[in-house]
N, C-alpha and C. Protein backbone atom coordinates (compact mmCIF):
# COMPACT_ATOMS: atom_id res chain seq x y z
N MET A 1 71.31 -136.09 -29.28
CA MET A 1 70.61 -135.30 -28.33
C MET A 1 71.31 -135.38 -27.10
N SER A 2 71.71 -134.23 -26.49
CA SER A 2 72.35 -134.21 -25.22
C SER A 2 71.56 -134.64 -24.07
N ASN A 3 72.19 -135.04 -22.97
CA ASN A 3 71.41 -135.44 -21.81
C ASN A 3 70.69 -134.24 -21.16
N LYS A 4 71.07 -133.01 -21.50
CA LYS A 4 70.32 -131.93 -21.00
C LYS A 4 68.88 -131.88 -21.47
N ARG A 5 68.67 -132.42 -22.68
CA ARG A 5 67.36 -132.38 -23.19
C ARG A 5 66.63 -133.66 -22.76
N PHE A 6 67.30 -134.81 -22.57
CA PHE A 6 66.63 -135.96 -21.99
C PHE A 6 67.32 -136.38 -20.78
N CYS A 7 66.57 -137.08 -19.94
CA CYS A 7 67.11 -137.48 -18.59
C CYS A 7 68.07 -138.61 -18.83
N VAL A 8 67.90 -139.43 -19.83
CA VAL A 8 68.91 -140.45 -19.99
C VAL A 8 69.16 -140.51 -21.56
N GLU A 9 70.35 -141.15 -21.86
CA GLU A 9 70.71 -141.22 -23.34
C GLU A 9 69.93 -142.40 -23.99
N ARG A 10 69.68 -143.46 -23.22
CA ARG A 10 68.98 -144.57 -23.86
C ARG A 10 68.01 -145.14 -22.80
N LEU A 11 66.85 -145.60 -23.15
CA LEU A 11 65.87 -146.07 -22.21
C LEU A 11 66.15 -147.54 -21.83
N ASP A 12 66.03 -147.88 -20.57
CA ASP A 12 66.22 -149.30 -20.17
C ASP A 12 65.05 -150.09 -20.34
N GLU A 13 65.06 -151.40 -20.06
CA GLU A 13 63.88 -152.30 -20.36
C GLU A 13 62.70 -151.89 -19.47
N THR A 14 62.98 -151.42 -18.26
CA THR A 14 61.88 -151.03 -17.41
C THR A 14 61.09 -149.82 -17.95
N ALA A 15 61.88 -148.90 -18.55
CA ALA A 15 61.21 -147.71 -19.09
C ALA A 15 60.52 -148.03 -20.35
N LEU A 16 61.05 -148.96 -21.10
CA LEU A 16 60.41 -149.33 -22.36
C LEU A 16 59.06 -150.11 -22.10
N LYS A 17 59.04 -150.92 -21.10
CA LYS A 17 57.92 -151.61 -20.79
C LYS A 17 56.77 -150.63 -20.28
N ARG A 18 57.19 -149.64 -19.48
CA ARG A 18 56.40 -148.65 -18.97
C ARG A 18 55.65 -147.88 -20.12
N LEU A 19 56.47 -147.46 -21.12
CA LEU A 19 56.01 -146.74 -22.33
C LEU A 19 55.02 -147.64 -23.13
N ASN A 20 55.40 -148.94 -23.24
CA ASN A 20 54.56 -149.90 -24.03
C ASN A 20 53.20 -149.97 -23.35
N GLU A 21 53.15 -150.00 -22.00
CA GLU A 21 51.83 -150.04 -21.27
C GLU A 21 51.09 -148.72 -21.46
N LEU A 22 51.86 -147.68 -21.34
CA LEU A 22 51.15 -146.48 -21.52
C LEU A 22 50.51 -146.26 -22.94
N GLY A 23 51.33 -146.75 -23.89
CA GLY A 23 50.77 -146.74 -25.26
C GLY A 23 49.54 -147.57 -25.43
N ARG A 24 49.53 -148.69 -24.72
CA ARG A 24 48.24 -149.52 -24.87
C ARG A 24 47.02 -148.73 -24.13
N LEU A 25 47.31 -148.24 -23.01
CA LEU A 25 46.20 -147.45 -22.36
C LEU A 25 45.86 -146.24 -23.18
N ALA A 26 46.78 -145.54 -23.76
CA ALA A 26 46.51 -144.25 -24.48
C ALA A 26 45.70 -144.60 -25.72
N ARG A 27 45.98 -145.72 -26.45
CA ARG A 27 45.25 -146.08 -27.67
C ARG A 27 43.81 -146.35 -27.24
N GLY A 28 43.60 -146.89 -26.08
CA GLY A 28 42.19 -147.09 -25.64
C GLY A 28 41.51 -145.70 -25.28
N ASP A 29 42.30 -144.76 -24.70
CA ASP A 29 41.79 -143.46 -24.53
C ASP A 29 41.34 -142.80 -25.80
N ILE A 30 42.19 -142.93 -26.83
CA ILE A 30 41.87 -142.35 -28.17
C ILE A 30 40.63 -142.81 -28.67
N LEU A 31 40.45 -144.24 -28.65
CA LEU A 31 39.17 -144.76 -29.16
C LEU A 31 37.96 -144.29 -28.24
N LYS A 32 38.12 -144.19 -27.01
CA LYS A 32 37.09 -143.72 -26.18
C LYS A 32 36.60 -142.28 -26.56
N MET A 33 37.66 -141.42 -26.64
CA MET A 33 37.38 -139.98 -27.00
C MET A 33 36.58 -139.94 -28.31
N THR A 34 37.11 -140.48 -29.37
CA THR A 34 36.61 -140.27 -30.69
C THR A 34 35.17 -141.09 -30.77
N THR A 35 35.04 -142.14 -30.10
CA THR A 35 33.72 -142.84 -30.09
C THR A 35 32.69 -142.00 -29.36
N LEU A 36 32.85 -141.55 -28.22
CA LEU A 36 32.02 -140.69 -27.49
C LEU A 36 31.70 -139.44 -28.17
N ALA A 37 32.66 -138.81 -28.84
CA ALA A 37 32.40 -137.51 -29.56
C ALA A 37 31.74 -137.84 -30.85
N GLY A 38 31.89 -139.05 -31.47
CA GLY A 38 31.36 -139.32 -32.71
C GLY A 38 32.07 -138.66 -33.89
N SER A 39 33.31 -138.22 -33.60
CA SER A 39 34.16 -137.58 -34.67
C SER A 39 35.63 -137.66 -34.12
N GLY A 40 36.52 -137.13 -34.98
CA GLY A 40 37.92 -137.17 -34.64
C GLY A 40 38.76 -137.98 -35.49
N HIS A 41 39.99 -137.96 -35.23
CA HIS A 41 40.94 -138.73 -36.12
C HIS A 41 41.75 -139.84 -35.28
N PRO A 42 41.10 -141.06 -35.09
CA PRO A 42 41.81 -142.00 -34.22
C PRO A 42 43.03 -142.58 -34.87
N GLY A 43 43.09 -142.74 -36.12
CA GLY A 43 44.05 -143.48 -36.98
C GLY A 43 45.38 -142.64 -36.75
N GLY A 44 45.43 -141.48 -37.17
CA GLY A 44 46.69 -140.78 -37.01
C GLY A 44 47.09 -140.49 -35.58
N SER A 45 46.12 -140.44 -34.68
CA SER A 45 46.43 -140.33 -33.29
C SER A 45 47.13 -141.63 -32.73
N MET A 46 46.61 -142.73 -33.10
CA MET A 46 47.26 -143.92 -32.60
C MET A 46 48.62 -144.19 -33.24
N SER A 47 48.73 -143.61 -34.47
CA SER A 47 50.01 -143.86 -35.20
C SER A 47 51.16 -142.96 -34.56
N SER A 48 50.77 -141.83 -34.01
CA SER A 48 51.66 -140.90 -33.47
C SER A 48 51.93 -140.98 -31.93
N ILE A 49 51.06 -141.82 -31.24
CA ILE A 49 51.09 -141.91 -29.82
C ILE A 49 52.35 -142.19 -29.18
N ASP A 50 53.07 -143.12 -29.74
CA ASP A 50 54.40 -143.52 -29.20
C ASP A 50 55.39 -142.42 -28.98
N PHE A 51 55.54 -141.54 -30.05
CA PHE A 51 56.50 -140.45 -29.88
C PHE A 51 55.91 -139.28 -29.09
N TYR A 52 54.65 -139.17 -29.03
CA TYR A 52 53.97 -138.24 -28.08
C TYR A 52 54.33 -138.62 -26.64
N LEU A 53 54.22 -139.85 -26.30
CA LEU A 53 54.46 -140.33 -24.93
C LEU A 53 55.96 -140.11 -24.62
N ILE A 54 56.82 -140.36 -25.57
CA ILE A 54 58.28 -140.12 -25.28
C ILE A 54 58.47 -138.63 -25.05
N LEU A 55 58.04 -137.79 -25.99
CA LEU A 55 58.24 -136.35 -25.79
C LEU A 55 57.78 -135.74 -24.58
N TYR A 56 56.58 -136.20 -24.17
CA TYR A 56 55.91 -135.67 -22.94
C TYR A 56 56.33 -136.29 -21.58
N SER A 57 57.19 -137.36 -21.63
CA SER A 57 57.47 -138.03 -20.46
C SER A 57 59.06 -138.11 -20.22
N VAL A 58 59.77 -138.19 -21.30
CA VAL A 58 61.20 -138.45 -21.16
C VAL A 58 62.09 -137.10 -21.05
N PRO A 59 61.91 -136.13 -21.89
CA PRO A 59 62.74 -134.90 -21.69
C PRO A 59 62.40 -134.18 -20.43
N ILE A 60 63.51 -133.64 -19.86
CA ILE A 60 63.37 -133.06 -18.56
C ILE A 60 62.70 -131.68 -18.59
N SER A 61 63.00 -130.86 -19.52
CA SER A 61 62.55 -129.47 -19.48
C SER A 61 61.17 -129.35 -20.11
N THR A 62 60.56 -130.28 -20.74
CA THR A 62 59.14 -130.18 -21.14
C THR A 62 58.19 -130.21 -19.93
N ARG A 63 58.73 -130.68 -18.81
CA ARG A 63 57.94 -130.88 -17.52
C ARG A 63 57.94 -129.52 -16.76
N GLN A 64 58.80 -128.57 -17.14
CA GLN A 64 58.91 -127.37 -16.30
C GLN A 64 57.68 -126.58 -16.49
N SER A 65 57.57 -125.48 -15.69
CA SER A 65 56.42 -124.60 -15.70
C SER A 65 56.29 -123.96 -17.03
N SER A 66 54.99 -123.79 -17.50
CA SER A 66 54.75 -123.15 -18.78
C SER A 66 55.23 -121.72 -18.91
N SER A 67 55.56 -121.11 -17.69
CA SER A 67 56.04 -119.72 -17.70
C SER A 67 57.59 -119.68 -17.64
N ASP A 68 58.31 -120.82 -17.67
CA ASP A 68 59.73 -120.87 -17.60
C ASP A 68 60.22 -120.57 -18.99
N PRO A 69 60.99 -119.49 -19.17
CA PRO A 69 61.38 -119.16 -20.52
C PRO A 69 62.41 -120.10 -21.08
N ASN A 70 63.02 -120.92 -20.29
CA ASN A 70 64.00 -122.01 -20.80
C ASN A 70 63.47 -123.33 -21.05
N ARG A 71 62.08 -123.47 -20.87
CA ARG A 71 61.58 -124.80 -21.12
C ARG A 71 61.62 -125.26 -22.61
N ASP A 72 61.84 -126.50 -22.85
CA ASP A 72 61.69 -126.94 -24.31
C ASP A 72 60.31 -126.74 -24.84
N ARG A 73 60.15 -126.55 -26.12
CA ARG A 73 58.88 -126.38 -26.70
C ARG A 73 58.54 -127.50 -27.62
N ILE A 74 57.33 -128.06 -27.63
CA ILE A 74 56.82 -129.03 -28.50
C ILE A 74 55.66 -128.47 -29.33
N VAL A 75 55.88 -128.41 -30.60
CA VAL A 75 54.95 -127.85 -31.57
C VAL A 75 54.30 -128.98 -32.30
N ILE A 76 52.98 -129.16 -32.23
CA ILE A 76 52.23 -130.18 -32.97
C ILE A 76 51.67 -129.60 -34.23
N SER A 77 52.28 -130.03 -35.32
CA SER A 77 51.88 -129.48 -36.61
C SER A 77 50.60 -130.19 -37.13
N HIS A 78 50.61 -131.56 -36.97
CA HIS A 78 49.36 -132.25 -37.44
C HIS A 78 48.37 -132.36 -36.25
N GLY A 79 47.80 -131.11 -35.94
CA GLY A 79 46.91 -130.88 -34.81
C GLY A 79 45.58 -131.72 -34.82
N HIS A 80 45.27 -132.31 -35.88
CA HIS A 80 44.03 -133.10 -35.89
C HIS A 80 44.28 -134.49 -35.12
N THR A 81 45.50 -134.67 -34.77
CA THR A 81 45.86 -135.89 -33.93
C THR A 81 45.70 -135.48 -32.45
N SER A 82 44.80 -134.52 -32.11
CA SER A 82 44.58 -134.09 -30.81
C SER A 82 44.30 -135.24 -29.82
N PRO A 83 43.49 -136.18 -30.14
CA PRO A 83 43.16 -137.29 -29.30
C PRO A 83 44.48 -137.95 -28.78
N GLY A 84 45.51 -138.10 -29.59
CA GLY A 84 46.76 -138.74 -29.19
C GLY A 84 47.52 -137.82 -28.27
N VAL A 85 47.51 -136.49 -28.51
CA VAL A 85 48.24 -135.51 -27.70
C VAL A 85 47.55 -135.47 -26.37
N TYR A 86 46.21 -135.46 -26.26
CA TYR A 86 45.49 -135.40 -25.00
C TYR A 86 45.75 -136.72 -24.27
N ALA A 87 45.75 -137.88 -24.87
CA ALA A 87 45.98 -139.17 -24.34
C ALA A 87 47.39 -139.10 -23.60
N ALA A 88 48.40 -138.67 -24.45
CA ALA A 88 49.76 -138.66 -23.87
C ALA A 88 49.79 -137.72 -22.74
N LEU A 89 49.32 -136.50 -22.86
CA LEU A 89 49.36 -135.55 -21.73
C LEU A 89 48.70 -136.06 -20.53
N GLY A 90 47.52 -136.62 -20.67
CA GLY A 90 46.78 -137.14 -19.52
C GLY A 90 47.47 -138.33 -18.89
N ARG A 91 47.99 -139.24 -19.71
CA ARG A 91 48.78 -140.45 -19.05
C ARG A 91 50.04 -140.13 -18.49
N THR A 92 50.69 -138.89 -18.80
CA THR A 92 51.97 -138.51 -18.24
C THR A 92 51.79 -137.44 -17.15
N GLY A 93 50.53 -137.18 -16.71
CA GLY A 93 50.27 -136.45 -15.52
C GLY A 93 50.11 -134.88 -15.70
N PHE A 94 49.89 -134.46 -16.93
CA PHE A 94 49.57 -133.03 -17.12
C PHE A 94 48.15 -132.65 -16.66
N PHE A 95 47.21 -133.56 -16.70
CA PHE A 95 45.84 -133.35 -16.26
C PHE A 95 45.27 -134.77 -16.17
N PRO A 96 44.07 -134.83 -15.49
CA PRO A 96 43.33 -136.22 -15.51
C PRO A 96 42.91 -136.63 -16.91
N ILE A 97 43.26 -137.76 -17.30
CA ILE A 97 42.83 -138.39 -18.55
C ILE A 97 41.33 -138.33 -18.76
N GLU A 98 40.62 -138.59 -17.55
CA GLU A 98 39.18 -138.59 -17.71
C GLU A 98 38.61 -137.30 -18.29
N ALA A 99 39.21 -136.20 -17.96
CA ALA A 99 38.77 -134.91 -18.41
C ALA A 99 38.74 -134.83 -19.95
N ALA A 100 39.83 -135.39 -20.56
CA ALA A 100 39.88 -135.34 -22.00
C ALA A 100 38.82 -136.33 -22.67
N ILE A 101 38.78 -137.48 -22.07
CA ILE A 101 37.78 -138.52 -22.65
C ILE A 101 36.25 -138.04 -22.60
N VAL A 102 35.97 -137.39 -21.52
CA VAL A 102 34.58 -136.94 -21.36
C VAL A 102 34.33 -135.65 -22.17
N ASN A 103 35.35 -134.85 -22.35
CA ASN A 103 35.05 -133.52 -22.84
C ASN A 103 35.48 -133.28 -24.25
N PHE A 104 36.15 -134.31 -24.88
CA PHE A 104 36.77 -134.13 -26.15
C PHE A 104 35.62 -133.67 -27.16
N ARG A 105 35.97 -132.49 -27.83
CA ARG A 105 35.20 -131.84 -28.90
C ARG A 105 33.84 -131.36 -28.37
N LYS A 106 33.68 -131.15 -27.08
CA LYS A 106 32.45 -130.64 -26.62
C LYS A 106 32.49 -129.05 -26.48
N GLY A 107 31.51 -128.40 -26.90
CA GLY A 107 31.51 -126.95 -26.94
C GLY A 107 31.77 -126.42 -25.58
N GLY A 108 32.59 -125.32 -25.51
CA GLY A 108 32.86 -124.70 -24.24
C GLY A 108 34.01 -125.31 -23.47
N THR A 109 34.63 -126.48 -23.86
CA THR A 109 35.76 -127.11 -23.17
C THR A 109 37.05 -126.76 -23.91
N ALA A 110 38.18 -127.04 -23.24
CA ALA A 110 39.50 -126.81 -23.92
C ALA A 110 39.84 -127.90 -24.87
N PHE A 111 39.24 -129.00 -24.76
CA PHE A 111 39.59 -130.21 -25.48
C PHE A 111 39.16 -130.27 -26.92
N GLU A 112 39.58 -129.32 -27.79
CA GLU A 112 39.00 -129.19 -29.12
C GLU A 112 39.55 -130.11 -30.06
N GLY A 113 39.04 -130.14 -31.30
CA GLY A 113 39.42 -131.12 -32.29
C GLY A 113 40.79 -130.92 -32.79
N HIS A 114 41.36 -129.65 -32.73
CA HIS A 114 42.82 -129.39 -32.98
C HIS A 114 43.33 -128.70 -31.68
N VAL A 115 44.59 -129.04 -31.43
CA VAL A 115 45.13 -128.65 -30.21
C VAL A 115 45.34 -127.13 -30.10
N GLU A 116 45.13 -126.54 -28.87
CA GLU A 116 45.31 -125.25 -28.64
C GLU A 116 45.98 -125.04 -27.25
N LYS A 117 46.53 -123.74 -27.15
CA LYS A 117 47.43 -123.48 -25.91
C LYS A 117 46.60 -123.54 -24.63
N LYS A 118 45.37 -123.63 -24.69
CA LYS A 118 44.57 -123.65 -23.49
C LYS A 118 44.82 -125.01 -22.66
N ILE A 119 45.42 -126.03 -23.39
CA ILE A 119 45.75 -127.26 -22.69
C ILE A 119 47.12 -127.25 -22.12
N PRO A 120 47.34 -127.64 -20.86
CA PRO A 120 48.69 -127.67 -20.26
C PRO A 120 49.62 -128.49 -21.19
N GLY A 121 50.85 -128.04 -21.55
CA GLY A 121 51.76 -128.86 -22.26
C GLY A 121 51.72 -128.50 -23.76
N VAL A 122 50.62 -127.73 -24.25
CA VAL A 122 50.52 -127.42 -25.68
C VAL A 122 51.08 -126.04 -25.84
N GLU A 123 52.00 -125.89 -26.78
CA GLU A 123 52.73 -124.69 -26.89
C GLU A 123 52.22 -123.75 -28.07
N TRP A 124 51.37 -124.29 -29.00
CA TRP A 124 51.07 -123.54 -30.19
C TRP A 124 49.73 -123.98 -30.64
N ASN A 125 48.87 -123.00 -30.99
CA ASN A 125 47.54 -123.26 -31.61
C ASN A 125 47.69 -123.77 -33.00
N THR A 126 47.40 -125.01 -33.24
CA THR A 126 47.59 -125.61 -34.63
C THR A 126 46.79 -124.86 -35.65
N GLY A 127 47.36 -124.59 -36.75
CA GLY A 127 46.64 -124.04 -37.94
C GLY A 127 46.46 -125.16 -38.93
N ASN A 128 46.61 -124.69 -40.26
CA ASN A 128 46.47 -125.66 -41.39
C ASN A 128 47.66 -126.60 -41.35
N LEU A 129 47.58 -127.73 -41.95
CA LEU A 129 48.65 -128.60 -42.01
C LEU A 129 49.87 -127.95 -42.81
N GLY A 130 51.03 -128.16 -42.33
CA GLY A 130 52.14 -127.57 -42.99
C GLY A 130 52.69 -126.30 -42.36
N GLN A 131 51.99 -125.83 -41.35
CA GLN A 131 52.44 -124.52 -40.63
C GLN A 131 53.34 -124.78 -39.46
N GLY A 132 53.27 -125.92 -38.93
CA GLY A 132 53.95 -126.19 -37.70
C GLY A 132 55.42 -126.09 -37.75
N LEU A 133 56.12 -126.38 -38.93
CA LEU A 133 57.51 -126.24 -39.00
C LEU A 133 57.95 -124.80 -38.97
N SER A 134 57.10 -123.89 -39.67
CA SER A 134 57.45 -122.47 -39.70
C SER A 134 57.34 -122.01 -38.29
N ALA A 135 56.37 -122.38 -37.49
CA ALA A 135 56.25 -121.85 -36.04
C ALA A 135 57.45 -122.34 -35.30
N GLY A 136 57.87 -123.60 -35.47
CA GLY A 136 59.03 -124.28 -34.77
C GLY A 136 60.25 -123.49 -35.15
N CYS A 137 60.43 -123.06 -36.38
CA CYS A 137 61.57 -122.24 -36.86
C CYS A 137 61.63 -120.91 -36.19
N GLY A 138 60.42 -120.29 -36.03
CA GLY A 138 60.41 -119.06 -35.43
C GLY A 138 60.76 -119.07 -33.93
N LEU A 139 60.29 -120.20 -33.20
CA LEU A 139 60.67 -120.34 -31.90
C LEU A 139 62.15 -120.61 -31.70
N ALA A 140 62.72 -121.55 -32.54
CA ALA A 140 64.15 -121.80 -32.45
C ALA A 140 64.98 -120.58 -32.74
N LEU A 141 64.62 -119.72 -33.77
CA LEU A 141 65.36 -118.56 -34.08
C LEU A 141 65.27 -117.52 -32.87
N GLY A 142 64.10 -117.50 -32.37
CA GLY A 142 63.91 -116.56 -31.21
C GLY A 142 64.82 -116.99 -30.03
N ALA A 143 64.96 -118.29 -29.83
CA ALA A 143 65.81 -118.78 -28.65
C ALA A 143 67.22 -118.27 -29.03
N LYS A 144 67.70 -118.36 -30.17
CA LYS A 144 69.08 -117.99 -30.50
C LYS A 144 69.26 -116.46 -30.36
N ILE A 145 68.34 -115.71 -30.82
CA ILE A 145 68.36 -114.21 -30.69
C ILE A 145 68.33 -113.76 -29.25
N LEU A 146 67.50 -114.38 -28.41
CA LEU A 146 67.41 -113.96 -27.06
C LEU A 146 68.34 -114.71 -26.12
N LYS A 147 69.15 -115.57 -26.75
CA LYS A 147 70.20 -116.40 -26.02
C LYS A 147 69.51 -117.22 -24.86
N LYS A 148 68.44 -117.78 -25.18
CA LYS A 148 67.67 -118.77 -24.33
C LYS A 148 68.13 -120.24 -24.64
N ASP A 149 68.14 -120.99 -23.65
CA ASP A 149 68.70 -122.41 -23.76
C ASP A 149 67.51 -123.35 -23.76
N PHE A 150 66.76 -123.36 -24.89
CA PHE A 150 65.65 -124.37 -24.98
C PHE A 150 65.73 -124.98 -26.40
N HIS A 151 65.14 -126.13 -26.54
CA HIS A 151 65.12 -126.93 -27.79
C HIS A 151 63.68 -126.87 -28.25
N VAL A 152 63.51 -127.00 -29.52
CA VAL A 152 62.10 -127.01 -30.11
C VAL A 152 62.00 -128.39 -30.86
N PHE A 153 60.90 -129.09 -30.47
CA PHE A 153 60.52 -130.31 -31.16
C PHE A 153 59.22 -130.04 -32.06
N VAL A 154 59.25 -130.43 -33.27
CA VAL A 154 58.15 -130.24 -34.09
C VAL A 154 57.66 -131.67 -34.51
N THR A 155 56.36 -132.01 -34.28
CA THR A 155 55.86 -133.28 -34.78
C THR A 155 54.93 -133.00 -36.01
N MET A 156 55.09 -133.90 -37.01
CA MET A 156 54.37 -133.73 -38.26
C MET A 156 53.91 -135.05 -38.75
N GLY A 157 52.97 -135.02 -39.70
CA GLY A 157 52.54 -136.12 -40.44
C GLY A 157 53.16 -136.19 -41.74
N CYS A 158 53.18 -137.40 -42.36
CA CYS A 158 53.99 -137.48 -43.69
C CYS A 158 53.05 -136.82 -44.75
N GLY A 159 51.83 -136.76 -44.71
CA GLY A 159 50.94 -136.24 -45.69
C GLY A 159 51.20 -134.78 -45.89
N GLU A 160 51.50 -133.99 -44.79
CA GLU A 160 51.67 -132.54 -44.97
C GLU A 160 52.97 -132.22 -45.57
N GLN A 161 53.86 -133.18 -45.74
CA GLN A 161 55.15 -132.79 -46.39
C GLN A 161 54.93 -132.40 -47.84
N GLN A 162 53.80 -132.52 -48.44
CA GLN A 162 53.62 -132.08 -49.80
C GLN A 162 53.27 -130.49 -49.79
N LYS A 163 53.15 -129.88 -48.63
CA LYS A 163 52.92 -128.47 -48.57
C LYS A 163 54.12 -127.71 -49.01
N GLY A 164 53.98 -126.69 -49.76
CA GLY A 164 55.08 -125.88 -50.26
C GLY A 164 55.67 -124.98 -49.06
N GLN A 165 54.86 -124.69 -48.02
CA GLN A 165 55.41 -123.94 -46.97
C GLN A 165 56.49 -124.69 -46.15
N ILE A 166 56.41 -126.00 -46.16
CA ILE A 166 57.40 -126.83 -45.49
C ILE A 166 58.76 -126.78 -46.20
N SER A 167 58.76 -126.79 -47.50
CA SER A 167 59.96 -126.63 -48.20
C SER A 167 60.65 -125.28 -47.73
N GLU A 168 59.88 -124.14 -47.75
CA GLU A 168 60.39 -122.88 -47.38
C GLU A 168 60.93 -122.92 -45.93
N ALA A 169 60.16 -123.57 -45.09
CA ALA A 169 60.61 -123.65 -43.55
C ALA A 169 61.97 -124.41 -43.53
N ARG A 170 62.06 -125.49 -44.32
CA ARG A 170 63.43 -126.22 -44.26
C ARG A 170 64.55 -125.38 -44.61
N ARG A 171 64.33 -124.54 -45.72
CA ARG A 171 65.44 -123.73 -46.27
C ARG A 171 65.75 -122.62 -45.24
N PHE A 172 64.68 -122.14 -44.51
CA PHE A 172 64.98 -121.13 -43.51
C PHE A 172 65.68 -121.74 -42.31
N ALA A 173 65.32 -122.94 -41.90
CA ALA A 173 66.23 -123.58 -40.84
C ALA A 173 67.68 -123.73 -41.21
N LEU A 174 67.86 -124.14 -42.47
CA LEU A 174 69.23 -124.31 -42.88
C LEU A 174 70.06 -123.03 -42.94
N LYS A 175 69.29 -121.95 -43.51
CA LYS A 175 69.98 -120.67 -43.63
C LYS A 175 70.42 -120.10 -42.27
N TYR A 176 69.49 -120.26 -41.22
CA TYR A 176 69.83 -119.68 -39.91
C TYR A 176 70.51 -120.66 -38.92
N GLY A 177 70.90 -121.81 -39.51
CA GLY A 177 71.55 -122.83 -38.50
C GLY A 177 70.83 -123.09 -37.37
N LEU A 178 69.57 -123.60 -37.42
CA LEU A 178 68.72 -123.93 -36.29
C LEU A 178 68.96 -125.29 -35.79
N ASP A 179 70.19 -125.41 -35.14
CA ASP A 179 70.55 -126.75 -34.59
C ASP A 179 69.86 -127.11 -33.31
N ASN A 180 68.97 -126.10 -32.87
CA ASN A 180 68.19 -126.33 -31.67
C ASN A 180 66.76 -126.61 -31.99
N LEU A 181 66.62 -127.21 -33.31
CA LEU A 181 65.27 -127.59 -33.74
C LEU A 181 65.33 -129.08 -34.22
N THR A 182 64.38 -129.92 -33.70
CA THR A 182 64.30 -131.24 -34.11
C THR A 182 62.91 -131.52 -34.60
N VAL A 183 62.74 -132.27 -35.84
CA VAL A 183 61.46 -132.52 -36.49
C VAL A 183 61.25 -134.01 -36.45
N ILE A 184 60.07 -134.44 -35.95
CA ILE A 184 59.78 -135.86 -36.01
C ILE A 184 58.53 -136.06 -36.88
N ILE A 185 58.80 -136.91 -37.88
CA ILE A 185 57.62 -137.16 -38.86
C ILE A 185 57.07 -138.50 -38.68
N ASP A 186 55.82 -138.60 -38.51
CA ASP A 186 55.02 -139.85 -38.47
C ASP A 186 54.92 -140.45 -39.91
N TYR A 187 55.78 -141.17 -40.30
CA TYR A 187 55.79 -141.59 -41.78
C TYR A 187 55.03 -142.93 -41.80
N ASN A 188 53.70 -142.90 -41.88
CA ASN A 188 52.91 -144.05 -41.98
C ASN A 188 52.23 -144.27 -43.32
N SER A 189 52.76 -143.37 -44.24
CA SER A 189 52.30 -143.55 -45.67
C SER A 189 50.78 -143.49 -45.90
N ARG A 190 50.10 -142.80 -44.98
CA ARG A 190 48.63 -142.66 -45.05
C ARG A 190 48.28 -141.30 -44.90
N GLN A 191 47.20 -140.88 -45.67
CA GLN A 191 46.57 -139.57 -45.52
C GLN A 191 45.12 -139.80 -45.91
N ILE A 192 44.33 -138.68 -45.68
CA ILE A 192 42.80 -138.95 -45.76
C ILE A 192 42.39 -139.38 -47.10
N SER A 193 43.23 -139.00 -48.16
CA SER A 193 42.89 -139.28 -49.54
C SER A 193 43.39 -140.66 -50.01
N GLY A 194 43.98 -141.39 -49.09
CA GLY A 194 44.60 -142.71 -49.34
C GLY A 194 46.05 -142.78 -49.09
N SER A 195 46.85 -143.52 -50.05
CA SER A 195 48.23 -143.72 -49.88
C SER A 195 48.98 -142.43 -50.10
N HIS A 196 49.92 -142.07 -49.27
CA HIS A 196 50.72 -140.86 -49.38
C HIS A 196 51.56 -140.89 -50.58
N ARG A 197 52.25 -142.14 -50.91
CA ARG A 197 53.01 -142.22 -51.99
C ARG A 197 52.20 -142.04 -53.27
N LYS A 198 51.03 -142.69 -53.39
CA LYS A 198 50.28 -142.62 -54.62
C LYS A 198 49.86 -141.05 -54.82
N SER A 199 49.51 -140.39 -53.76
CA SER A 199 49.05 -138.99 -53.85
C SER A 199 50.25 -138.13 -54.44
N CYS A 200 51.52 -138.44 -53.87
CA CYS A 200 52.59 -137.62 -54.38
C CYS A 200 52.92 -137.92 -55.82
N ARG A 201 52.73 -139.09 -56.28
CA ARG A 201 52.99 -139.43 -57.62
C ARG A 201 51.93 -138.77 -58.55
N ARG A 202 50.60 -138.77 -58.07
CA ARG A 202 49.52 -137.97 -58.83
C ARG A 202 49.95 -136.54 -58.95
N ILE A 203 50.35 -135.98 -57.89
CA ILE A 203 50.71 -134.47 -57.80
C ILE A 203 51.89 -134.32 -58.87
N SER A 204 52.91 -135.19 -58.80
CA SER A 204 53.98 -135.02 -59.65
C SER A 204 53.68 -135.06 -61.07
N ARG A 205 52.79 -135.98 -61.46
CA ARG A 205 52.34 -136.15 -62.84
C ARG A 205 51.62 -134.86 -63.33
N LYS A 206 50.71 -134.29 -62.45
CA LYS A 206 49.96 -133.04 -62.78
C LYS A 206 50.93 -131.91 -63.10
N ILE A 207 51.92 -131.79 -62.13
CA ILE A 207 52.94 -130.79 -62.36
C ILE A 207 53.63 -130.96 -63.59
N SER A 208 54.11 -132.14 -63.90
CA SER A 208 54.88 -132.48 -65.11
C SER A 208 54.05 -132.08 -66.35
N ASN A 209 52.78 -132.50 -66.34
CA ASN A 209 51.94 -132.21 -67.52
C ASN A 209 51.73 -130.81 -67.77
N ARG A 210 51.62 -129.96 -66.62
CA ARG A 210 51.35 -128.59 -66.84
C ARG A 210 52.69 -127.92 -67.35
N MET A 211 53.80 -128.38 -66.92
CA MET A 211 55.06 -127.90 -67.38
C MET A 211 55.37 -128.08 -68.89
N ILE A 212 54.86 -129.14 -69.41
CA ILE A 212 55.02 -129.50 -70.87
C ILE A 212 53.88 -129.01 -71.69
N GLY A 213 52.77 -128.49 -71.00
CA GLY A 213 51.71 -127.91 -71.77
C GLY A 213 50.63 -128.98 -72.11
N ARG A 214 50.47 -130.00 -71.44
CA ARG A 214 49.41 -130.98 -71.72
C ARG A 214 48.19 -130.53 -71.06
């Protein structure tokens, strides 16, 4: 990644310590949000919080105005990790963190259970799992067509990699040479139905059995 995307090539010890402390605070924020709301996804949020903090604090152009056509875009595909997104945005100065903690999942507020563009720093209204990469591909291709100088980051969970739409989006990115697109996957081997690897094996067995007529 070029220095144009990030303010430095490598983080020094001071920056790493700051991020570690922000991570500790943000994990507390996540627990507060989901506890007060009585719902939400704290596990996935805490698993993804470290790269959320990096994406929202280190790249230069994600801090630009939301109306700047050359700003970098961050697409959150696993939008149920909204407590993590809100904690990262709050802790990096996009809005007061207290607003997210108090209002998470309350009717009539912007802090919904899945991220939406009403929140500063959020570029895309999250849909079903597996759709974020397609959205990111569209943004990246649009940048090339319009000759805009921005990069697209897509964050995803490992469980949604089972979606067929993701395979199609990967082939799309390869076909159109989307080198202005970066995907970050939180590979924690967990999903709501249990182990990601076990689930993939079950799916593979079902497909194999159908193909041989069992």
